[in-house]
Amino acid sequence: MKKRTIPKAKLLVVEDEGITAEDIKDYLISLGYDVLGICSTGEEAVEKVRNLEPDLVLMDIRLAGVVDGIQAADIIREHYEIPVVYLTAYSDPQTLERAKITDPYGYVLKPFNQRDLQIAVEIALHKHKMQSRLQESERWLSATVSSVHEAIITVDAMYRVKTMNQAAERITGWRYKDAKSRLFTQIYTTCHAATGEDLPTPIHLALETGKTVVRKGEALLVALGGTIHPVDETATLIVDPIRGVLGAVLVFTDASERIEAENNYREDLIPAVLDSLSSYLVVTDRDGKIIRFNQKAQNLTGLSERDAHKKFFWDLCSDSEESDVASSSFKVLNCNRHESTFDCRWKTKFDQALKIRWCNSAIRDDDEAISYIICTGVGLEN
């Protein structure tokens, strides 16, 4: 079995001192590197990088010509993403500050020995290899997140936006380039779907409690421009095993279609359930005005549900005395009672009266105010 040959790293030397440049070249070759050539100016270095595509450039900072080593390194980094290690005899603060802007992979101060040069080259090549892998992983992750149907926003532990996919841009109205590094609440503002009051975001709740937070249609998202979307939301912490909580991720979707489908389902289901009951069933508001009127009640009275909507419960009683009995029961419920039972007679479509025993139950909200009243009746023998 043939041993696999590892390709030699290709290096370019940029040094305007001829003897020093040849010494560097010879030493690199002795270490097994492939030296593509030697340049003495910044302009020539940029040209050779474009044509030869080296794996690493060893760049002297002070070069003859219009473009010095730092300027050449900046062009190479921006256009070709090839790592640069500086060779310099200058370690003054001003030179180092200029050099740092170009994000170099290392410095070798002159005069240097061969071991210093070898270490700098090997570390730079390894660092670039790791960063290339990381960048590739980030590109894969970014492409994957962008293609996900759900909207995704990640924030750091200080609630500042780190990433945001295209679905999140569509729902919030914000572009990622404008949202990046902003406080999360600047781009994601919600209120309670029922009350309109301000609502803590799941991101805040997750970071405060340390738990995953799930909300289904509880919040309305106020997007940029004022459009409003009911949203289903899930927020989860981003945790590093060593550094702890780094931030959180919010996955959310526009819940409009789901809520509409559920409402349509209820509108179809509730009448069917009411109509299947063997009892007379009437649903009223807190004042006794009819909201629902099942088929059995319609058959008894001869009224359609539309006609019943115009009446109060006691309007269907056979006489004023019966109406007083019924209305008194509703008054009892409005005095913080949850249930009342009474008998009264209803007029039938055949101009007769049927005695019915009713059980009325008040359905109340969190403030104990009546939302509606369910009236269930069973016919009694006269």
Protein backbone atom coordinates (compact mmCIF):
# COMPACT_ATOMS: atom_id res chain seq x y z
CA MET A 1 0.00 0.00 0.00
CA LYS A 2 1.43 3.36 -1.05
CA LYS A 3 1.96 5.97 1.61
CA ARG A 4 -0.19 9.04 1.02
CA THR A 5 1.89 12.12 0.17
CA ILE A 6 0.97 15.26 2.09
CA PRO A 7 1.10 18.32 -0.23
CA LYS A 8 3.75 20.89 0.62
CA ALA A 9 2.56 24.26 1.87
CA LYS A 10 3.23 26.97 -0.71
CA LEU A 11 4.92 30.10 0.63
CA LEU A 12 5.72 33.50 -0.85
CA VAL A 13 8.57 35.59 0.59
CA VAL A 14 8.30 39.40 0.37
CA GLU A 15 11.66 40.90 1.44
CA ASP A 16 13.65 43.71 -0.18
CA GLU A 17 17.04 42.69 1.31
CA GLY A 18 18.37 40.18 -1.20
CA ILE A 19 20.66 38.17 1.09
CA THR A 20 18.04 37.92 3.84
CA ALA A 21 15.41 36.85 1.32
CA GLU A 22 17.62 34.04 -0.05
CA ASP A 23 18.45 32.83 3.47
CA ILE A 24 14.75 32.65 4.32
CA LYS A 25 14.01 30.81 1.09
CA ASP A 26 16.74 28.21 1.65
CA TYR A 27 15.66 27.55 5.21
CA LEU A 28 11.99 27.15 4.28
CA ILE A 29 12.91 24.69 1.52
CA SER A 30 15.01 22.70 4.01
CA LEU A 31 11.90 22.41 6.19
CA GLY A 32 9.91 20.94 3.31
CA TYR A 33 7.96 24.00 2.20
CA ASP A 34 7.48 24.99 -1.44
CA VAL A 35 8.72 28.57 -1.90
CA LEU A 36 6.94 30.03 -4.93
CA GLY A 37 9.20 33.06 -5.23
CA ILE A 38 10.68 36.21 -3.71
CA CYS A 39 9.25 39.74 -4.08
CA SER A 40 10.88 43.03 -3.17
CA THR A 41 7.89 45.42 -3.45
CA GLY A 42 4.29 45.49 -2.24
CA GLU A 43 2.96 45.85 -5.78
CA GLU A 44 4.82 42.74 -6.93
CA ALA A 45 3.61 40.81 -3.86
CA VAL A 46 -0.04 41.52 -4.66
CA GLU A 47 0.49 40.50 -8.29
CA LYS A 48 2.19 37.19 -7.37
CA VAL A 49 -0.50 36.36 -4.78
CA ARG A 50 -3.14 36.79 -7.45
CA ASN A 51 -1.31 34.58 -9.94
CA LEU A 52 0.31 31.94 -7.69
CA GLU A 53 -2.24 31.62 -4.81
CA PRO A 54 0.23 30.78 -2.01
CA ASP A 55 -0.87 29.25 1.31
CA LEU A 56 1.07 31.85 3.31
CA VAL A 57 2.92 35.13 2.72
CA LEU A 58 5.97 36.18 4.75
CA MET A 59 5.85 39.97 4.46
CA ASP A 60 8.51 42.54 5.37
CA ILE A 61 6.77 45.67 6.67
CA ARG A 62 9.19 48.24 5.23
CA LEU A 63 9.40 47.87 1.45
CA ALA A 64 10.56 50.14 -1.35
CA GLY A 65 7.89 51.46 -3.69
CA VAL A 66 4.49 53.11 -3.32
CA VAL A 67 2.85 50.19 -1.43
CA ASP A 68 4.54 49.15 1.80
CA GLY A 69 4.17 45.75 3.47
CA ILE A 70 1.19 46.72 5.63
CA GLN A 71 -0.75 48.11 2.68
CA ALA A 72 0.05 45.03 0.60
CA ALA A 73 -1.04 42.74 3.45
CA ASP A 74 -4.34 44.60 3.75
CA ILE A 75 -5.05 44.14 0.03
CA ILE A 76 -4.14 40.44 0.22
CA ARG A 77 -6.38 39.87 3.25
CA GLU A 78 -9.36 41.71 1.80
CA HIS A 79 -9.28 40.27 -1.72
CA TYR A 80 -7.64 36.84 -1.39
CA GLU A 81 -8.04 35.78 2.28
CA ILE A 82 -4.46 34.47 2.39
CA PRO A 83 -2.67 34.59 5.77
CA VAL A 84 0.24 36.96 6.26
CA VAL A 85 3.11 36.79 8.78
CA TYR A 86 5.07 40.02 9.18
CA LEU A 87 8.87 40.15 9.12
CA THR A 88 10.03 43.39 10.68
CA ALA A 89 12.78 45.14 12.55
CA TYR A 90 10.27 47.75 13.69
CA SER A 91 8.33 47.14 16.88
CA ASP A 92 7.32 50.72 17.67
CA PRO A 93 3.68 51.24 18.77
CA GLN A 94 2.67 53.19 15.67
CA THR A 95 3.87 50.46 13.29
CA LEU A 96 2.25 47.71 15.36
CA GLU A 97 -1.08 49.56 15.48
CA ARG A 98 -1.11 49.88 11.68
CA ALA A 99 -0.17 46.23 11.31
CA LYS A 100 -2.86 44.99 13.72
CA ILE A 101 -5.61 46.43 11.52
CA THR A 102 -4.69 43.95 8.78
CA ASP A 103 -5.30 41.00 11.14
CA PRO A 104 -1.90 39.28 10.64
CA TYR A 105 -1.28 35.65 11.60
CA GLY A 106 1.98 36.46 13.37
CA TYR A 107 5.10 38.60 13.71
CA VAL A 108 8.76 37.66 13.43
CA LEU A 109 11.10 40.36 14.70
CA LYS A 110 14.46 40.85 13.01
CA PRO A 111 17.04 39.62 13.63
CA PHE A 112 15.39 36.20 13.98
CA ASN A 113 16.75 32.69 14.11
CA GLN A 114 15.53 29.80 12.01
CA ARG A 115 13.56 28.23 14.86
CA ASP A 116 11.55 31.44 15.39
CA LEU A 117 10.68 31.48 11.70
CA GLN A 118 9.64 27.82 11.66
CA ILE A 119 7.34 28.24 14.68
CA ALA A 120 5.70 31.35 13.22
CA VAL A 121 5.05 29.63 9.87
CA GLU A 122 3.64 26.44 11.38
CA ILE A 123 1.37 28.29 13.82
CA ALA A 124 0.09 30.58 11.05
CA LEU A 125 -0.68 27.67 8.71
CA HIS A 126 -2.45 25.75 11.48
CA LYS A 127 -4.43 28.79 12.58
CA HIS A 128 -5.55 29.51 9.02
CA LYS A 129 -6.57 25.87 8.54
CA MET A 130 -8.71 25.97 11.70
CA GLN A 131 -10.27 29.31 10.77
CA SER A 132 -11.06 28.04 7.27
CA ARG A 133 -12.86 25.04 8.77
CA LEU A 134 -14.75 27.29 11.17
CA GLN A 135 -15.75 29.66 8.37
CA GLU A 136 -16.95 26.73 6.27
CA SER A 137 -19.00 25.43 9.21
CA GLU A 138 -20.46 28.89 9.74
CA ARG A 139 -21.37 29.13 6.05
CA TRP A 140 -23.10 25.75 6.22
CA LEU A 141 -24.93 26.77 9.39
CA SER A 142 -25.91 30.14 7.94
CA ALA A 143 -27.22 28.51 4.75
CA THR A 144 -29.16 25.94 6.78
CA VAL A 145 -30.70 28.50 9.13
CA SER A 146 -31.60 30.78 6.20
CA SER A 147 -33.49 27.95 4.50
CA VAL A 148 -35.52 27.02 7.60
CA HIS A 149 -39.21 27.92 7.36
CA GLU A 150 -39.41 29.09 10.99
CA ALA A 151 -38.09 32.53 11.91
CA ILE A 152 -34.93 32.41 14.05
CA ILE A 153 -33.17 35.13 16.07
CA THR A 154 -30.24 34.57 18.41
CA VAL A 155 -29.08 37.01 21.07
CA ASP A 156 -26.10 37.16 23.42
CA ALA A 157 -26.37 37.31 27.21
CA MET A 158 -26.76 41.10 26.98
CA TYR A 159 -29.88 40.72 24.79
CA ARG A 160 -28.12 41.98 21.64
CA VAL A 161 -28.98 40.41 18.29
CA LYS A 162 -26.30 38.05 16.96
CA THR A 163 -28.01 36.29 14.03
CA MET A 164 -31.31 36.52 12.21
CA ASN A 165 -32.58 34.44 9.28
CA GLN A 166 -34.63 35.49 6.26
CA ALA A 167 -37.91 34.27 7.75
CA ALA A 168 -37.30 36.50 10.79
CA GLU A 169 -36.59 39.43 8.48
CA ARG A 170 -39.92 38.88 6.69
CA ILE A 171 -42.02 38.76 9.87
CA THR A 172 -40.30 41.54 11.84
CA GLY A 173 -39.71 43.83 8.87
CA TRP A 174 -36.08 44.30 9.96
CA ARG A 175 -33.07 43.51 7.78
CA TYR A 176 -30.33 41.61 9.58
CA LYS A 177 -27.67 44.18 8.72
CA ASP A 178 -29.77 46.84 10.48
CA ALA A 179 -30.78 44.62 13.41
CA LYS A 180 -27.34 43.19 14.21
CA SER A 181 -26.01 44.21 17.64
CA ARG A 182 -29.21 46.08 18.51
CA LEU A 183 -31.10 45.29 21.70
CA PHE A 184 -33.54 42.47 20.99
CA THR A 185 -36.58 44.46 22.13
CA GLN A 186 -35.85 47.13 19.53
CA ILE A 187 -36.70 44.70 16.76
CA TYR A 188 -39.05 42.30 18.57
CA THR A 189 -41.88 44.06 20.43
CA THR A 190 -44.91 42.10 21.59
CA CYS A 191 -48.15 42.73 23.45
CA HIS A 192 -50.73 40.40 24.95
CA ALA A 193 -53.11 39.16 22.25
CA ALA A 194 -56.18 39.49 24.51
CA THR A 195 -55.46 42.61 26.56
CA GLY A 196 -52.97 44.59 24.44
CA GLU A 197 -50.71 45.02 27.47
CA ASP A 198 -46.91 44.80 27.20
CA LEU A 199 -45.66 41.22 27.34
CA PRO A 200 -42.17 40.00 28.32
CA THR A 201 -40.52 38.26 25.38
CA PRO A 202 -39.71 34.52 25.65
CA ILE A 203 -36.02 35.46 25.26
CA HIS A 204 -36.16 37.49 28.48
CA LEU A 205 -38.09 34.79 30.32
CA ALA A 206 -35.63 32.09 29.19
CA LEU A 207 -32.56 34.09 30.26
CA GLU A 208 -34.17 35.04 33.59
CA THR A 209 -35.48 31.56 34.49
CA GLY A 210 -32.92 29.35 32.76
CA LYS A 211 -35.75 27.33 31.20
CA THR A 212 -37.17 26.81 27.73
CA VAL A 213 -40.24 29.01 27.19
CA VAL A 214 -43.08 28.06 24.81
CA ARG A 215 -46.03 30.32 23.96
CA LYS A 216 -48.77 29.58 21.43
CA GLY A 217 -50.57 32.60 20.02
CA GLU A 218 -50.42 34.45 23.34
CA ALA A 219 -48.46 37.36 21.89
CA LEU A 220 -48.93 39.81 19.05
CA LEU A 221 -45.68 40.86 17.35
CA VAL A 222 -45.63 44.51 16.28
CA ALA A 223 -43.43 44.54 13.18
CA LEU A 224 -41.49 47.43 11.71
CA GLY A 225 -44.05 49.62 9.95
CA GLY A 226 -46.85 48.75 12.37
CA THR A 227 -48.15 45.46 10.97
CA ILE A 228 -49.23 42.97 13.65
CA HIS A 229 -48.80 39.19 13.66
CA PRO A 230 -49.99 36.65 16.24
CA VAL A 231 -46.95 34.45 16.89
CA ASP A 232 -46.10 31.00 18.22
CA GLU A 233 -42.78 31.27 20.10
CA THR A 234 -40.12 29.01 21.62
CA ALA A 235 -37.03 30.39 23.38
CA THR A 236 -34.10 28.20 24.47
CA LEU A 237 -30.79 29.02 26.15
CA ILE A 238 -27.48 28.72 24.29
CA VAL A 239 -25.11 27.12 26.79
CA ASP A 240 -21.37 26.46 26.52
CA PRO A 241 -20.10 23.64 28.79
CA ILE A 242 -17.21 25.81 29.99
CA ARG A 243 -18.36 29.42 29.72
CA GLY A 244 -21.99 28.83 30.72
CA VAL A 245 -24.94 30.73 29.22
CA LEU A 246 -23.89 32.58 26.06
CA GLY A 247 -27.34 33.80 25.05
CA ALA A 248 -30.62 32.44 23.73
CA VAL A 249 -32.35 31.48 20.49
CA LEU A 250 -35.94 32.36 19.61
CA VAL A 251 -37.83 30.30 17.05
CA PHE A 252 -41.16 31.83 16.04
CA THR A 253 -43.80 31.61 13.33
CA ASP A 254 -46.73 33.71 12.20
CA ALA A 255 -49.69 31.98 13.86
CA SER A 256 -52.38 33.68 11.75
CA GLU A 257 -53.15 30.65 9.60
CA ARG A 258 -53.13 28.23 12.55
CA ILE A 259 -55.45 30.42 14.62
CA GLU A 260 -57.79 30.95 11.68
CA ALA A 261 -57.91 27.21 11.01
CA GLU A 262 -58.63 26.49 14.69
CA ASN A 263 -61.36 29.14 14.80
CA ASN A 264 -62.96 27.71 11.66
CA TYR A 265 -62.76 24.24 13.17
CA ARG A 266 -64.45 25.48 16.35
CA GLU A 267 -67.15 27.27 14.41
CA ASP A 268 -67.91 24.03 12.61
CA LEU A 269 -67.45 21.78 15.63
CA ILE A 270 -69.31 23.67 18.37
CA PRO A 271 -72.69 23.83 16.58
CA ALA A 272 -72.35 20.15 15.68
CA VAL A 273 -71.68 19.25 19.33
CA LEU A 274 -74.52 21.43 20.60
CA ASP A 275 -76.94 20.00 18.08
CA SER A 276 -76.04 16.43 19.03
CA LEU A 277 -77.09 16.94 22.67
CA SER A 278 -80.34 15.42 23.87
CA SER A 279 -80.88 18.45 26.13
CA TYR A 280 -82.04 21.91 25.25
CA LEU A 281 -78.94 24.11 25.25
CA VAL A 282 -78.74 27.88 25.12
CA VAL A 283 -75.64 30.06 25.49
CA THR A 284 -76.18 33.70 26.52
CA ASP A 285 -74.05 36.70 27.41
CA ARG A 286 -73.89 37.96 31.01
CA ASP A 287 -77.15 39.92 30.47
CA GLY A 288 -79.07 36.89 29.22
CA LYS A 289 -79.04 37.74 25.50
CA ILE A 290 -78.89 34.57 23.38
CA ILE A 291 -75.59 33.78 21.62
CA ARG A 292 -76.09 30.06 20.77
CA PHE A 293 -79.28 28.09 20.37
CA ASN A 294 -79.01 24.37 19.60
CA GLN A 295 -81.11 22.39 17.14
CA LYS A 296 -83.29 20.76 19.84
CA ALA A 297 -84.22 24.22 21.17
CA GLN A 298 -84.92 25.38 17.61
CA ASN A 299 -87.20 22.39 16.99
CA LEU A 300 -89.14 23.10 20.19
CA THR A 301 -89.68 26.82 19.65
CA GLY A 302 -89.75 26.95 15.87
CA LEU A 303 -87.13 29.73 16.00
CA SER A 304 -83.98 29.70 13.91
CA GLU A 305 -80.71 30.49 15.64
CA ARG A 306 -80.63 33.81 13.80
CA ASP A 307 -84.09 34.71 15.16
CA ALA A 308 -83.09 33.60 18.68
CA HIS A 309 -80.07 35.95 18.60
CA LYS A 310 -82.47 38.88 18.76
CA LYS A 311 -84.01 37.73 22.05
CA PHE A 312 -83.23 37.38 25.71
CA PHE A 313 -83.62 33.99 27.36
CA TRP A 314 -86.82 34.97 29.21
CA ASP A 315 -88.45 36.22 26.00
CA LEU A 316 -89.10 32.57 25.19
CA CYS A 317 -91.08 31.90 28.38
CA SER A 318 -94.83 31.27 28.11
CA ASP A 319 -95.95 34.27 30.21
CA SER A 320 -94.66 37.16 32.33
CA GLU A 321 -94.63 35.13 35.53
CA GLU A 322 -92.38 32.51 33.94
CA SER A 323 -90.19 35.29 32.51
CA ASP A 324 -89.72 36.72 36.00
CA VAL A 325 -88.59 33.32 37.30
CA ALA A 326 -86.03 33.03 34.51
CA SER A 327 -84.66 36.59 34.75
CA SER A 328 -84.32 36.23 38.54
CA SER A 329 -82.07 33.23 37.97
CA PHE A 330 -79.78 35.32 35.77
CA LYS A 331 -79.64 38.04 38.43
CA VAL A 332 -78.54 35.42 40.95
CA LEU A 333 -75.65 34.44 38.69
CA ASN A 334 -74.58 38.05 38.40
CA CYS A 335 -74.23 38.15 42.19
CA ASN A 336 -71.11 35.94 42.04
CA ARG A 337 -73.00 32.65 41.99
CA HIS A 338 -71.61 30.10 39.55
CA GLU A 339 -74.76 28.02 39.07
CA SER A 340 -78.53 28.25 39.50
CA THR A 341 -81.41 25.81 38.86
CA PHE A 342 -85.03 26.70 38.15
CA ASP A 343 -88.16 25.51 36.31
CA CYS A 344 -90.06 27.56 33.76
CA ARG A 345 -92.38 27.01 30.82
CA TRP A 346 -91.35 27.75 27.24
CA LYS A 347 -93.70 28.49 24.39
CA THR A 348 -93.56 25.83 21.66
CA LYS A 349 -94.12 26.26 17.93
CA PHE A 350 -97.53 24.61 18.40
CA ASP A 351 -98.71 27.38 20.77
CA GLN A 352 -98.31 25.11 23.74
CA ALA A 353 -96.10 25.41 26.84
CA LEU A 354 -93.48 22.89 27.92
CA LYS A 355 -92.15 22.86 31.45
CA ILE A 356 -88.34 22.70 31.41
CA ARG A 357 -85.85 22.34 34.27
CA TRP A 358 -82.87 24.53 33.63
CA CYS A 359 -79.37 24.48 35.07
CA ASN A 360 -77.51 27.70 34.30
CA SER A 361 -73.71 27.87 34.73
CA ALA A 362 -71.71 31.11 34.65
CA ILE A 363 -68.33 31.00 32.90
CA ARG A 364 -66.12 33.69 34.38
CA ASP A 365 -62.79 35.26 33.39
CA ASP A 366 -59.78 35.83 35.66
CA ASP A 367 -61.45 38.92 37.16
CA GLU A 368 -64.60 36.91 38.02
CA ALA A 369 -66.65 38.82 35.45
CA ILE A 370 -69.13 36.64 33.55
CA SER A 371 -67.97 35.87 30.00
CA TYR A 372 -71.09 33.88 29.10
CA ILE A 373 -73.77 31.65 30.61
CA ILE A 374 -74.51 28.06 29.56
CA CYS A 375 -78.16 27.06 30.04
CA THR A 376 -78.94 23.33 29.88
CA GLY A 377 -82.58 22.24 30.00
CA VAL A 378 -84.52 18.97 30.29
CA GLY A 379 -88.22 18.76 29.51
CA LEU A 380 -90.53 17.77 32.37
CA GLU A 381 -93.95 16.17 32.18
CA ASN A 382 -96.71 18.72 32.58
